[in-house]
mmCIF file of all heavy atoms, coordinates in Angstrom:
data_MODEL
# 
_entry.id   MODEL 
# 
loop_
_atom_site.group_PDB 
_atom_site.id 
_atom_site.type_symbol 
_atom_site.label_atom_id 
_atom_site.label_alt_id 
_atom_site.label_comp_id 
_atom_site.label_asym_id 
_atom_site.label_entity_id 
_atom_site.label_seq_id 
_atom_site.pdbx_PDB_ins_code 
_atom_site.Cartn_x 
_atom_site.Cartn_y 
_atom_site.Cartn_z 
_atom_site.occupancy 
_atom_site.B_iso_or_equiv 
_atom_site.pdbx_formal_charge 
_atom_site.auth_seq_id 
_atom_site.auth_comp_id 
_atom_site.auth_asym_id 
_atom_site.auth_atom_id 
_atom_site.pdbx_PDB_model_num 
ATOM 1   N N   . ARG A 1 1  ? 90.065  99.118  118.871 1.00 0.00 ? 1  ARG A N   1 
ATOM 2   C CA  . ARG A 1 1  ? 89.761  100.047 117.785 1.00 0.00 ? 1  ARG A CA  1 
ATOM 3   C C   . ARG A 1 1  ? 91.030  100.323 116.969 1.00 0.00 ? 1  ARG A C   1 
ATOM 4   O O   . ARG A 1 1  ? 90.981  100.458 115.751 1.00 0.00 ? 1  ARG A O   1 
ATOM 5   C CB  . ARG A 1 1  ? 89.211  101.344 118.368 1.00 0.00 ? 1  ARG A CB  1 
ATOM 6   C CG  . ARG A 1 1  ? 88.561  102.273 117.352 1.00 0.00 ? 1  ARG A CG  1 
ATOM 7   C CD  . ARG A 1 1  ? 88.106  103.549 118.018 1.00 0.00 ? 1  ARG A CD  1 
ATOM 8   N NE  . ARG A 1 1  ? 89.223  104.280 118.595 1.00 0.00 ? 1  ARG A NE  1 
ATOM 9   C CZ  . ARG A 1 1  ? 90.054  105.055 117.891 1.00 0.00 ? 1  ARG A CZ  1 
ATOM 10  N NH1 . ARG A 1 1  ? 89.891  105.185 116.595 1.00 0.00 ? 1  ARG A NH1 1 
ATOM 11  N NH2 . ARG A 1 1  ? 91.045  105.693 118.478 1.00 0.00 ? 1  ARG A NH2 1 
ATOM 12  N N   . LEU A 1 2  ? 92.155  100.368 117.666 1.00 0.00 ? 2  LEU A N   1 
ATOM 13  C CA  . LEU A 1 2  ? 93.425  100.649 116.994 1.00 0.00 ? 2  LEU A CA  1 
ATOM 14  C C   . LEU A 1 2  ? 93.863  99.510  116.081 1.00 0.00 ? 2  LEU A C   1 
ATOM 15  O O   . LEU A 1 2  ? 94.743  99.670  115.258 1.00 0.00 ? 2  LEU A O   1 
ATOM 16  C CB  . LEU A 1 2  ? 94.529  100.923 118.020 1.00 0.00 ? 2  LEU A CB  1 
ATOM 17  C CG  . LEU A 1 2  ? 94.418  102.233 118.790 1.00 0.00 ? 2  LEU A CG  1 
ATOM 18  C CD1 . LEU A 1 2  ? 95.528  102.327 119.830 1.00 0.00 ? 2  LEU A CD1 1 
ATOM 19  C CD2 . LEU A 1 2  ? 94.485  103.429 117.861 1.00 0.00 ? 2  LEU A CD2 1 
ATOM 20  N N   . LEU A 1 3  ? 93.246  98.343  116.257 1.00 0.00 ? 3  LEU A N   1 
ATOM 21  C CA  . LEU A 1 3  ? 93.602  97.209  115.413 1.00 0.00 ? 3  LEU A CA  1 
ATOM 22  C C   . LEU A 1 3  ? 92.622  97.000  114.263 1.00 0.00 ? 3  LEU A C   1 
ATOM 23  O O   . LEU A 1 3  ? 92.739  96.057  113.505 1.00 0.00 ? 3  LEU A O   1 
ATOM 24  C CB  . LEU A 1 3  ? 93.689  95.929  116.251 1.00 0.00 ? 3  LEU A CB  1 
ATOM 25  C CG  . LEU A 1 3  ? 94.957  95.787  117.093 1.00 0.00 ? 3  LEU A CG  1 
ATOM 26  C CD1 . LEU A 1 3  ? 94.845  94.596  118.024 1.00 0.00 ? 3  LEU A CD1 1 
ATOM 27  C CD2 . LEU A 1 3  ? 96.182  95.660  116.210 1.00 0.00 ? 3  LEU A CD2 1 
ATOM 28  N N   . CYS A 1 4  ? 91.648  97.888  114.153 1.00 0.00 ? 4  CYS A N   1 
ATOM 29  C CA  . CYS A 1 4  ? 90.681  97.745  113.058 1.00 0.00 ? 4  CYS A CA  1 
ATOM 30  C C   . CYS A 1 4  ? 90.977  98.743  111.942 1.00 0.00 ? 4  CYS A C   1 
ATOM 31  O O   . CYS A 1 4  ? 90.913  99.948  112.149 1.00 0.00 ? 4  CYS A O   1 
ATOM 32  C CB  . CYS A 1 4  ? 89.251  97.965  113.564 1.00 0.00 ? 4  CYS A CB  1 
ATOM 33  S SG  . CYS A 1 4  ? 88.672  96.588  114.553 1.00 0.00 ? 4  CYS A SG  1 
ATOM 34  N N   . PRO A 1 5  ? 91.318  98.225  110.757 1.00 0.00 ? 5  PRO A N   1 
ATOM 35  C CA  . PRO A 1 5  ? 91.536  99.131  109.626 1.00 0.00 ? 5  PRO A CA  1 
ATOM 36  C C   . PRO A 1 5  ? 90.203  99.770  109.251 1.00 0.00 ? 5  PRO A C   1 
ATOM 37  O O   . PRO A 1 5  ? 89.163  99.157  109.419 1.00 0.00 ? 5  PRO A O   1 
ATOM 38  C CB  . PRO A 1 5  ? 92.012  98.192  108.517 1.00 0.00 ? 5  PRO A CB  1 
ATOM 39  C CG  . PRO A 1 5  ? 91.485  96.837  108.876 1.00 0.00 ? 5  PRO A CG  1 
ATOM 40  C CD  . PRO A 1 5  ? 91.400  96.803  110.373 1.00 0.00 ? 5  PRO A CD  1 
ATOM 41  N N   . GLN A 1 6  ? 90.229  101.017 108.754 1.00 0.00 ? 6  GLN A N   1 
ATOM 42  C CA  . GLN A 1 6  ? 88.959  101.617 108.323 1.00 0.00 ? 6  GLN A CA  1 
ATOM 43  C C   . GLN A 1 6  ? 88.448  100.973 107.042 1.00 0.00 ? 6  GLN A C   1 
ATOM 44  O O   . GLN A 1 6  ? 87.253  100.899 106.823 1.00 0.00 ? 6  GLN A O   1 
ATOM 45  C CB  . GLN A 1 6  ? 89.117  103.127 108.098 1.00 0.00 ? 6  GLN A CB  1 
ATOM 46  C CG  . GLN A 1 6  ? 89.226  103.923 109.389 1.00 0.00 ? 6  GLN A CG  1 
ATOM 47  C CD  . GLN A 1 6  ? 90.664  104.316 109.685 1.00 0.00 ? 6  GLN A CD  1 
ATOM 48  O OE1 . GLN A 1 6  ? 91.602  103.577 109.392 1.00 0.00 ? 6  GLN A OE1 1 
ATOM 49  N NE2 . GLN A 1 6  ? 90.850  105.471 110.301 1.00 0.00 ? 6  GLN A NE2 1 
ATOM 50  N N   . TRP A 1 7  ? 89.368  100.536 106.182 1.00 0.00 ? 7  TRP A N   1 
ATOM 51  C CA  . TRP A 1 7  ? 88.977  99.943  104.912 1.00 0.00 ? 7  TRP A CA  1 
ATOM 52  C C   . TRP A 1 7  ? 89.760  98.662  104.665 1.00 0.00 ? 7  TRP A C   1 
ATOM 53  O O   . TRP A 1 7  ? 90.939  98.594  105.010 1.00 0.00 ? 7  TRP A O   1 
ATOM 54  C CB  . TRP A 1 7  ? 89.273  100.900 103.747 1.00 0.00 ? 7  TRP A CB  1 
ATOM 55  C CG  . TRP A 1 7  ? 88.450  102.147 103.762 1.00 0.00 ? 7  TRP A CG  1 
ATOM 56  C CD1 . TRP A 1 7  ? 88.670  103.273 104.503 1.00 0.00 ? 7  TRP A CD1 1 
ATOM 57  C CD2 . TRP A 1 7  ? 87.258  102.403 102.997 1.00 0.00 ? 7  TRP A CD2 1 
ATOM 58  N NE1 . TRP A 1 7  ? 87.697  104.209 104.235 1.00 0.00 ? 7  TRP A NE1 1 
ATOM 59  C CE2 . TRP A 1 7  ? 86.821  103.704 103.320 1.00 0.00 ? 7  TRP A CE2 1 
ATOM 60  C CE3 . TRP A 1 7  ? 86.528  101.659 102.052 1.00 0.00 ? 7  TRP A CE3 1 
ATOM 61  C CZ2 . TRP A 1 7  ? 85.693  104.278 102.751 1.00 0.00 ? 7  TRP A CZ2 1 
ATOM 62  C CZ3 . TRP A 1 7  ? 85.406  102.236 101.484 1.00 0.00 ? 7  TRP A CZ3 1 
ATOM 63  C CH2 . TRP A 1 7  ? 84.990  103.526 101.832 1.00 0.00 ? 7  TRP A CH2 1 
ATOM 64  N N   . VAL A 1 8  ? 89.117  97.676  104.045 1.00 0.00 ? 8  VAL A N   1 
ATOM 65  C CA  . VAL A 1 8  ? 89.802  96.443  103.647 1.00 0.00 ? 8  VAL A CA  1 
ATOM 66  C C   . VAL A 1 8  ? 89.507  96.185  102.174 1.00 0.00 ? 8  VAL A C   1 
ATOM 67  O O   . VAL A 1 8  ? 88.355  96.247  101.746 1.00 0.00 ? 8  VAL A O   1 
ATOM 68  C CB  . VAL A 1 8  ? 89.337  95.226  104.477 1.00 0.00 ? 8  VAL A CB  1 
ATOM 69  C CG1 . VAL A 1 8  ? 90.154  93.992  104.110 1.00 0.00 ? 8  VAL A CG1 1 
ATOM 70  C CG2 . VAL A 1 8  ? 89.475  95.505  105.969 1.00 0.00 ? 8  VAL A CG2 1 
ATOM 71  N N   . PHE A 1 9  ? 90.565  95.931  101.408 1.00 0.00 ? 9  PHE A N   1 
ATOM 72  C CA  . PHE A 1 9  ? 90.435  95.674  99.978  1.00 0.00 ? 9  PHE A CA  1 
ATOM 73  C C   . PHE A 1 9  ? 91.093  94.339  99.632  1.00 0.00 ? 9  PHE A C   1 
ATOM 74  O O   . PHE A 1 9  ? 91.934  93.850  100.376 1.00 0.00 ? 9  PHE A O   1 
ATOM 75  C CB  . PHE A 1 9  ? 91.144  96.764  99.167  1.00 0.00 ? 9  PHE A CB  1 
ATOM 76  C CG  . PHE A 1 9  ? 90.581  98.143  99.336  1.00 0.00 ? 9  PHE A CG  1 
ATOM 77  C CD1 . PHE A 1 9  ? 91.077  99.001  100.307 1.00 0.00 ? 9  PHE A CD1 1 
ATOM 78  C CD2 . PHE A 1 9  ? 89.550  98.594  98.515  1.00 0.00 ? 9  PHE A CD2 1 
ATOM 79  C CE1 . PHE A 1 9  ? 90.563  100.288 100.457 1.00 0.00 ? 9  PHE A CE1 1 
ATOM 80  C CE2 . PHE A 1 9  ? 89.035  99.869  98.653  1.00 0.00 ? 9  PHE A CE2 1 
ATOM 81  C CZ  . PHE A 1 9  ? 89.534  100.719 99.621  1.00 0.00 ? 9  PHE A CZ  1 
ATOM 82  N N   . ASP A 1 10 ? 90.744  93.799  98.463  1.00 0.00 ? 10 ASP A N   1 
ATOM 83  C CA  . ASP A 1 10 ? 91.385  92.570  98.000  1.00 0.00 ? 10 ASP A CA  1 
ATOM 84  C C   . ASP A 1 10 ? 92.857  92.787  97.688  1.00 0.00 ? 10 ASP A C   1 
ATOM 85  O O   . ASP A 1 10 ? 93.702  91.953  97.977  1.00 0.00 ? 10 ASP A O   1 
ATOM 86  C CB  . ASP A 1 10 ? 90.682  92.032  96.741  1.00 0.00 ? 10 ASP A CB  1 
ATOM 87  C CG  . ASP A 1 10 ? 89.408  91.272  97.087  1.00 0.00 ? 10 ASP A CG  1 
ATOM 88  O OD1 . ASP A 1 10 ? 89.441  90.501  98.054  1.00 0.00 ? 10 ASP A OD1 1 
ATOM 89  O OD2 . ASP A 1 10 ? 88.394  91.469  96.411  1.00 0.00 ? 10 ASP A OD2 1 
ATOM 90  N N   . ASN A 1 11 ? 93.184  93.917  97.058  1.00 0.00 ? 11 ASN A N   1 
ATOM 91  C CA  . ASN A 1 11 ? 94.568  94.183  96.664  1.00 0.00 ? 11 ASN A CA  1 
ATOM 92  C C   . ASN A 1 11 ? 94.755  95.671  96.410  1.00 0.00 ? 11 ASN A C   1 
ATOM 93  O O   . ASN A 1 11 ? 93.790  96.434  96.407  1.00 0.00 ? 11 ASN A O   1 
ATOM 94  C CB  . ASN A 1 11 ? 94.933  93.380  95.401  1.00 0.00 ? 11 ASN A CB  1 
ATOM 95  C CG  . ASN A 1 11 ? 93.906  93.581  94.300  1.00 0.00 ? 11 ASN A CG  1 
ATOM 96  O OD1 . ASN A 1 11 ? 93.455  94.695  94.040  1.00 0.00 ? 11 ASN A OD1 1 
ATOM 97  N ND2 . ASN A 1 11 ? 93.502  92.506  93.659  1.00 0.00 ? 11 ASN A ND2 1 
ATOM 98  N N   . TYR A 1 12 ? 96.004  96.064  96.191  1.00 0.00 ? 12 TYR A N   1 
ATOM 99  C CA  . TYR A 1 12 ? 96.283  97.495  96.019  1.00 0.00 ? 12 TYR A CA  1 
ATOM 100 C C   . TYR A 1 12 ? 95.559  98.090  94.818  1.00 0.00 ? 12 TYR A C   1 
ATOM 101 O O   . TYR A 1 12 ? 95.155  99.253  94.846  1.00 0.00 ? 12 TYR A O   1 
ATOM 102 C CB  . TYR A 1 12 ? 97.799  97.768  95.955  1.00 0.00 ? 12 TYR A CB  1 
ATOM 103 C CG  . TYR A 1 12 ? 98.501  97.263  94.716  1.00 0.00 ? 12 TYR A CG  1 
ATOM 104 C CD1 . TYR A 1 12 ? 98.388  97.936  93.500  1.00 0.00 ? 12 TYR A CD1 1 
ATOM 105 C CD2 . TYR A 1 12 ? 99.282  96.103  94.741  1.00 0.00 ? 12 TYR A CD2 1 
ATOM 106 C CE1 . TYR A 1 12 ? 99.028  97.469  92.355  1.00 0.00 ? 12 TYR A CE1 1 
ATOM 107 C CE2 . TYR A 1 12 ? 99.923  95.638  93.605  1.00 0.00 ? 12 TYR A CE2 1 
ATOM 108 C CZ  . TYR A 1 12 ? 99.792  96.317  92.420  1.00 0.00 ? 12 TYR A CZ  1 
ATOM 109 O OH  . TYR A 1 12 ? 100.403 95.860  91.288  1.00 0.00 ? 12 TYR A OH  1 
ATOM 110 N N   . GLU A 1 13 ? 95.375  97.294  93.734  1.00 0.00 ? 13 GLU A N   1 
ATOM 111 C CA  . GLU A 1 13 ? 94.713  97.840  92.540  1.00 0.00 ? 13 GLU A CA  1 
ATOM 112 C C   . GLU A 1 13 ? 93.306  98.344  92.829  1.00 0.00 ? 13 GLU A C   1 
ATOM 113 O O   . GLU A 1 13 ? 92.805  99.216  92.130  1.00 0.00 ? 13 GLU A O   1 
ATOM 114 C CB  . GLU A 1 13 ? 94.624  96.802  91.419  1.00 0.00 ? 13 GLU A CB  1 
ATOM 115 C CG  . GLU A 1 13 ? 95.936  96.555  90.716  1.00 0.00 ? 13 GLU A CG  1 
ATOM 116 C CD  . GLU A 1 13 ? 96.499  95.166  91.000  1.00 0.00 ? 13 GLU A CD  1 
ATOM 117 O OE1 . GLU A 1 13 ? 96.299  94.649  92.120  1.00 0.00 ? 13 GLU A OE1 1 
ATOM 118 O OE2 . GLU A 1 13 ? 97.140  94.606  90.096  1.00 0.00 ? 13 GLU A OE2 1 
ATOM 119 N N   . ALA A 1 14 ? 92.681  97.791  93.880  1.00 0.00 ? 14 ALA A N   1 
ATOM 120 C CA  . ALA A 1 14 ? 91.324  98.215  94.238  1.00 0.00 ? 14 ALA A CA  1 
ATOM 121 C C   . ALA A 1 14 ? 91.306  99.612  94.859  1.00 0.00 ? 14 ALA A C   1 
ATOM 122 O O   . ALA A 1 14 ? 90.263  100.247 94.974  1.00 0.00 ? 14 ALA A O   1 
ATOM 123 C CB  . ALA A 1 14 ? 90.695  97.193  95.190  1.00 0.00 ? 14 ALA A CB  1 
ATOM 124 N N   . VAL A 1 15 ? 92.480  100.100 95.258  1.00 0.00 ? 15 VAL A N   1 
ATOM 125 C CA  . VAL A 1 15 ? 92.588  101.440 95.839  1.00 0.00 ? 15 VAL A CA  1 
ATOM 126 C C   . VAL A 1 15 ? 92.911  102.412 94.703  1.00 0.00 ? 15 VAL A C   1 
ATOM 127 O O   . VAL A 1 15 ? 94.036  102.490 94.230  1.00 0.00 ? 15 VAL A O   1 
ATOM 128 C CB  . VAL A 1 15 ? 93.699  101.480 96.916  1.00 0.00 ? 15 VAL A CB  1 
ATOM 129 C CG1 . VAL A 1 15 ? 93.798  102.875 97.528  1.00 0.00 ? 15 VAL A CG1 1 
ATOM 130 C CG2 . VAL A 1 15 ? 93.422  100.437 98.003  1.00 0.00 ? 15 VAL A CG2 1 
ATOM 131 N N   . THR A 1 16 ? 91.895  103.132 94.243  1.00 0.00 ? 16 THR A N   1 
ATOM 132 C CA  . THR A 1 16 ? 92.045  103.971 93.045  1.00 0.00 ? 16 THR A CA  1 
ATOM 133 C C   . THR A 1 16 ? 92.398  105.412 93.410  1.00 0.00 ? 16 THR A C   1 
ATOM 134 O O   . THR A 1 16 ? 92.119  105.860 94.528  1.00 0.00 ? 16 THR A O   1 
ATOM 135 C CB  . THR A 1 16 ? 90.733  103.988 92.247  1.00 0.00 ? 16 THR A CB  1 
ATOM 136 O OG1 . THR A 1 16 ? 89.713  104.585 93.085  1.00 0.00 ? 16 THR A OG1 1 
ATOM 137 C CG2 . THR A 1 16 ? 90.305  102.586 91.831  1.00 0.00 ? 16 THR A CG2 1 
ATOM 138 N N   . PRO A 1 17 ? 92.980  106.144 92.448  1.00 0.00 ? 17 PRO A N   1 
ATOM 139 C CA  . PRO A 1 17 ? 93.222  107.573 92.690  1.00 0.00 ? 17 PRO A CA  1 
ATOM 140 C C   . PRO A 1 17 ? 91.926  108.299 93.047  1.00 0.00 ? 17 PRO A C   1 
ATOM 141 O O   . PRO A 1 17 ? 91.935  109.192 93.894  1.00 0.00 ? 17 PRO A O   1 
ATOM 142 C CB  . PRO A 1 17 ? 93.767  108.067 91.342  1.00 0.00 ? 17 PRO A CB  1 
ATOM 143 C CG  . PRO A 1 17 ? 94.339  106.868 90.676  1.00 0.00 ? 17 PRO A CG  1 
ATOM 144 C CD  . PRO A 1 17 ? 93.514  105.700 91.141  1.00 0.00 ? 17 PRO A CD  1 
ATOM 145 N N   . GLU A 1 18 ? 90.817  107.902 92.431  1.00 0.00 ? 18 GLU A N   1 
ATOM 146 C CA  . GLU A 1 18 ? 89.515  108.539 92.714  1.00 0.00 ? 18 GLU A CA  1 
ATOM 147 C C   . GLU A 1 18 ? 89.139  108.332 94.180  1.00 0.00 ? 18 GLU A C   1 
ATOM 148 O O   . GLU A 1 18 ? 88.717  109.264 94.858  1.00 0.00 ? 18 GLU A O   1 
ATOM 149 C CB  . GLU A 1 18 ? 88.401  107.941 91.834  1.00 0.00 ? 18 GLU A CB  1 
ATOM 150 C CG  . GLU A 1 18 ? 88.541  108.209 90.346  1.00 0.00 ? 18 GLU A CG  1 
ATOM 151 C CD  . GLU A 1 18 ? 89.681  107.410 89.684  1.00 0.00 ? 18 GLU A CD  1 
ATOM 152 O OE1 . GLU A 1 18 ? 89.889  106.224 90.028  1.00 0.00 ? 18 GLU A OE1 1 
ATOM 153 O OE2 . GLU A 1 18 ? 90.380  107.988 88.830  1.00 0.00 ? 18 GLU A OE2 1 
ATOM 154 N N   . PHE A 1 19 ? 89.298  107.111 94.653  1.00 0.00 ? 19 PHE A N   1 
ATOM 155 C CA  . PHE A 1 19 ? 88.993  106.798 96.052  1.00 0.00 ? 19 PHE A CA  1 
ATOM 156 C C   . PHE A 1 19 ? 89.836  107.669 96.986  1.00 0.00 ? 19 PHE A C   1 
ATOM 157 O O   . PHE A 1 19 ? 89.339  108.269 97.935  1.00 0.00 ? 19 PHE A O   1 
ATOM 158 C CB  . PHE A 1 19 ? 89.257  105.310 96.342  1.00 0.00 ? 19 PHE A CB  1 
ATOM 159 C CG  . PHE A 1 19 ? 89.213  104.966 97.807  1.00 0.00 ? 19 PHE A CG  1 
ATOM 160 C CD1 . PHE A 1 19 ? 88.015  104.658 98.427  1.00 0.00 ? 19 PHE A CD1 1 
ATOM 161 C CD2 . PHE A 1 19 ? 90.377  104.974 98.572  1.00 0.00 ? 19 PHE A CD2 1 
ATOM 162 C CE1 . PHE A 1 19 ? 87.972  104.365 99.795  1.00 0.00 ? 19 PHE A CE1 1 
ATOM 163 C CE2 . PHE A 1 19 ? 90.349  104.688 99.932  1.00 0.00 ? 19 PHE A CE2 1 
ATOM 164 C CZ  . PHE A 1 19 ? 89.138  104.380 100.541 1.00 0.00 ? 19 PHE A CZ  1 
ATOM 165 N N   . LEU A 1 20 ? 91.139  107.742 96.697  1.00 0.00 ? 20 LEU A N   1 
ATOM 166 C CA  . LEU A 1 20 ? 92.044  108.502 97.566  1.00 0.00 ? 20 LEU A CA  1 
ATOM 167 C C   . LEU A 1 20 ? 91.698  109.989 97.557  1.00 0.00 ? 20 LEU A C   1 
ATOM 168 O O   . LEU A 1 20 ? 91.660  110.635 98.609  1.00 0.00 ? 20 LEU A O   1 
ATOM 169 C CB  . LEU A 1 20 ? 93.505  108.271 97.134  1.00 0.00 ? 20 LEU A CB  1 
ATOM 170 C CG  . LEU A 1 20 ? 93.996  106.828 97.340  1.00 0.00 ? 20 LEU A CG  1 
ATOM 171 C CD1 . LEU A 1 20 ? 95.327  106.621 96.638  1.00 0.00 ? 20 LEU A CD1 1 
ATOM 172 C CD2 . LEU A 1 20 ? 94.098  106.480 98.820  1.00 0.00 ? 20 LEU A CD2 1 
ATOM 173 N N   . LYS A 1 21 ? 91.395  110.534 96.375  1.00 0.00 ? 21 LYS A N   1 
ATOM 174 C CA  . LYS A 1 21 ? 91.033  111.958 96.268  1.00 0.00 ? 21 LYS A CA  1 
ATOM 175 C C   . LYS A 1 21 ? 89.760  112.244 97.057  1.00 0.00 ? 21 LYS A C   1 
ATOM 176 O O   . LYS A 1 21 ? 89.660  113.243 97.766  1.00 0.00 ? 21 LYS A O   1 
ATOM 177 C CB  . LYS A 1 21 ? 90.830  112.342 94.800  1.00 0.00 ? 21 LYS A CB  1 
ATOM 178 C CG  . LYS A 1 21 ? 92.153  112.427 94.039  1.00 0.00 ? 21 LYS A CG  1 
ATOM 179 C CD  . LYS A 1 21 ? 92.020  113.345 92.842  1.00 0.00 ? 21 LYS A CD  1 
ATOM 180 C CE  . LYS A 1 21 ? 92.899  114.553 93.022  1.00 0.00 ? 21 LYS A CE  1 
ATOM 181 N NZ  . LYS A 1 21 ? 93.876  114.728 91.935  1.00 0.00 ? 21 LYS A NZ  1 
ATOM 182 N N   . GLU A 1 22 ? 88.806  111.344 96.920  1.00 0.00 ? 22 GLU A N   1 
ATOM 183 C CA  . GLU A 1 22 ? 87.531  111.474 97.634  1.00 0.00 ? 22 GLU A CA  1 
ATOM 184 C C   . GLU A 1 22 ? 87.747  111.557 99.142  1.00 0.00 ? 22 GLU A C   1 
ATOM 185 O O   . GLU A 1 22 ? 86.963  112.167 99.858  1.00 0.00 ? 22 GLU A O   1 
ATOM 186 C CB  . GLU A 1 22 ? 86.722  110.208 97.332  1.00 0.00 ? 22 GLU A CB  1 
ATOM 187 C CG  . GLU A 1 22 ? 85.242  110.371 97.201  1.00 0.00 ? 22 GLU A CG  1 
ATOM 188 C CD  . GLU A 1 22 ? 84.653  109.056 96.684  1.00 0.00 ? 22 GLU A CD  1 
ATOM 189 O OE1 . GLU A 1 22 ? 84.801  108.780 95.478  1.00 0.00 ? 22 GLU A OE1 1 
ATOM 190 O OE2 . GLU A 1 22 ? 84.102  108.309 97.509  1.00 0.00 ? 22 GLU A OE2 1 
ATOM 191 N N   . HIS A 1 23 ? 88.812  110.897 99.629  1.00 0.00 ? 23 HIS A N   1 
ATOM 192 C CA  . HIS A 1 23 ? 89.088  110.888 101.061 1.00 0.00 ? 23 HIS A CA  1 
ATOM 193 C C   . HIS A 1 23 ? 90.186  111.874 101.461 1.00 0.00 ? 23 HIS A C   1 
ATOM 194 O O   . HIS A 1 23 ? 90.723  111.798 102.564 1.00 0.00 ? 23 HIS A O   1 
ATOM 195 C CB  . HIS A 1 23 ? 89.425  109.466 101.510 1.00 0.00 ? 23 HIS A CB  1 
ATOM 196 C CG  . HIS A 1 23 ? 88.226  108.562 101.457 1.00 0.00 ? 23 HIS A CG  1 
ATOM 197 N ND1 . HIS A 1 23 ? 87.847  107.920 100.299 1.00 0.00 ? 23 HIS A ND1 1 
ATOM 198 C CD2 . HIS A 1 23 ? 87.293  108.263 102.386 1.00 0.00 ? 23 HIS A CD2 1 
ATOM 199 C CE1 . HIS A 1 23 ? 86.729  107.245 100.539 1.00 0.00 ? 23 HIS A CE1 1 
ATOM 200 N NE2 . HIS A 1 23 ? 86.378  107.430 101.783 1.00 0.00 ? 23 HIS A NE2 1 
ATOM 201 N N   . GLY A 1 24 ? 90.479  112.803 100.552 1.00 0.00 ? 24 GLY A N   1 
ATOM 202 C CA  . GLY A 1 24 ? 91.419  113.879 100.871 1.00 0.00 ? 24 GLY A CA  1 
ATOM 203 C C   . GLY A 1 24 ? 92.862  113.431 101.053 1.00 0.00 ? 24 GLY A C   1 
ATOM 204 O O   . GLY A 1 24 ? 93.655  114.124 101.694 1.00 0.00 ? 24 GLY A O   1 
ATOM 205 N N   . VAL A 1 25 ? 93.210  112.278 100.472 1.00 0.00 ? 25 VAL A N   1 
ATOM 206 C CA  . VAL A 1 25 ? 94.561  111.741 100.642 1.00 0.00 ? 25 VAL A CA  1 
ATOM 207 C C   . VAL A 1 25 ? 95.524  112.380 99.633  1.00 0.00 ? 25 VAL A C   1 
ATOM 208 O O   . VAL A 1 25 ? 95.304  112.306 98.430  1.00 0.00 ? 25 VAL A O   1 
ATOM 209 C CB  . VAL A 1 25 ? 94.571  110.202 100.484 1.00 0.00 ? 25 VAL A CB  1 
ATOM 210 C CG1 . VAL A 1 25 ? 96.002  109.653 100.542 1.00 0.00 ? 25 VAL A CG1 1 
ATOM 211 C CG2 . VAL A 1 25 ? 93.698  109.549 101.549 1.00 0.00 ? 25 VAL A CG2 1 
ATOM 212 N N   . LYS A 1 26 ? 96.583  113.002 100.161 1.00 0.00 ? 26 LYS A N   1 
ATOM 213 C CA  . LYS A 1 26 ? 97.615  113.602 99.308  1.00 0.00 ? 26 LYS A CA  1 
ATOM 214 C C   . LYS A 1 26 ? 98.886  112.771 99.313  1.00 0.00 ? 26 LYS A C   1 
ATOM 215 O O   . LYS A 1 26 ? 99.728  112.905 98.433  1.00 0.00 ? 26 LYS A O   1 
ATOM 216 C CB  . LYS A 1 26 ? 97.935  115.020 99.793  1.00 0.00 ? 26 LYS A CB  1 
ATOM 217 C CG  . LYS A 1 26 ? 96.769  115.977 99.610  1.00 0.00 ? 26 LYS A CG  1 
ATOM 218 C CD  . LYS A 1 26 ? 97.132  117.381 100.077 1.00 0.00 ? 26 LYS A CD  1 
ATOM 219 C CE  . LYS A 1 26 ? 95.948  118.322 99.859  1.00 0.00 ? 26 LYS A CE  1 
ATOM 220 N NZ  . LYS A 1 26 ? 96.192  119.629 100.507 1.00 0.00 ? 26 LYS A NZ  1 
ATOM 221 N N   . LEU A 1 27 ? 99.046  111.946 100.356 1.00 0.00 ? 27 LEU A N   1 
ATOM 222 C CA  . LEU A 1 27 ? 100.213 111.072 100.469 1.00 0.00 ? 27 LEU A CA  1 
ATOM 223 C C   . LEU A 1 27 ? 99.748  109.666 100.821 1.00 0.00 ? 27 LEU A C   1 
ATOM 224 O O   . LEU A 1 27 ? 99.067  109.473 101.828 1.00 0.00 ? 27 LEU A O   1 
ATOM 225 C CB  . LEU A 1 27 ? 101.170 111.575 101.558 1.00 0.00 ? 27 LEU A CB  1 
ATOM 226 C CG  . LEU A 1 27 ? 102.317 110.629 101.940 1.00 0.00 ? 27 LEU A CG  1 
ATOM 227 C CD1 . LEU A 1 27 ? 103.281 110.399 100.773 1.00 0.00 ? 27 LEU A CD1 1 
ATOM 228 C CD2 . LEU A 1 27 ? 103.082 111.171 103.158 1.00 0.00 ? 27 LEU A CD2 1 
# 
């Protein structure tokens, strides 16, 4: 389980500020 990422994306651009906010990410 520790080796499974919760999310996999093609590249960093796919990780949007909206996505991060939705998941409560501040850092």
